[in-house]
C-alpha cells in the first residue's frame, strides 16, 4: 500500500466541514457509507443501530431547523440512531446506557473515514433537538437519534487542526506523576 493511501493519512485528511457545494450525493454513495458503518466494532455484537439517510430538500430543511449545530446547507445527512430496547435485551443496562453510544460513535468514525476516501466531506453533530428529530423521522419510542453526520462535497477544505503530540497524550503500562 502506498504511503499516501495509508489509513493514517486518510485519518489525517478527514476534516469537519461546514461549507458544502450544491452537488448532490448519490444514494449509492450513501449506501456505501452505511456498508462501512455496519462493520464498525459493536459491544457483544449488539448492533444497536439504525441509519436514517435524509436527502430530500424539504426534509433536510426541517431537520436543519431543529439542529443548530448543522451548518453549511449539506445536500444530505445521515442520522445515526440507537435502538435502546435491542441494546437492553442483548446487553442489559450496560448495553442500553453505554455500549450502544460507543457503537454509534465507532460507526460514525467509519462513515466519516469512508466518506473521506470517496472524496466527500462530513461533519458530526450532536447539537440538535433529539425529540424533534425523533418525531420528524417517525422513530419508534425505543429508537433515538444520537448523532447527525452532514455529507456533501466541500467548497474549500479547511486547514489541518493542531493536535497534541503522541508523547504528550500517551503512556506505557502506568501513569507517571512526573509526566503529567
Foldseek 3Di string as FASTA:
>chain_A
DDPCPDLVVLVQQADAAQAFDLDADDVVLVVVLVVQLQPFDAVLSLSFKDKDKDQDLVLVVQQCVFAVPRHHPFNIKIFIKGQLVSLCVRPNPCRNPPRRLVSSVRSVVSSRSSLSVVQKHKHKGQRGDFVSVCVSVVPPPRMTGGIMMGIHHHPDRDDRDDDDDPQLPDDPDDDDPVND
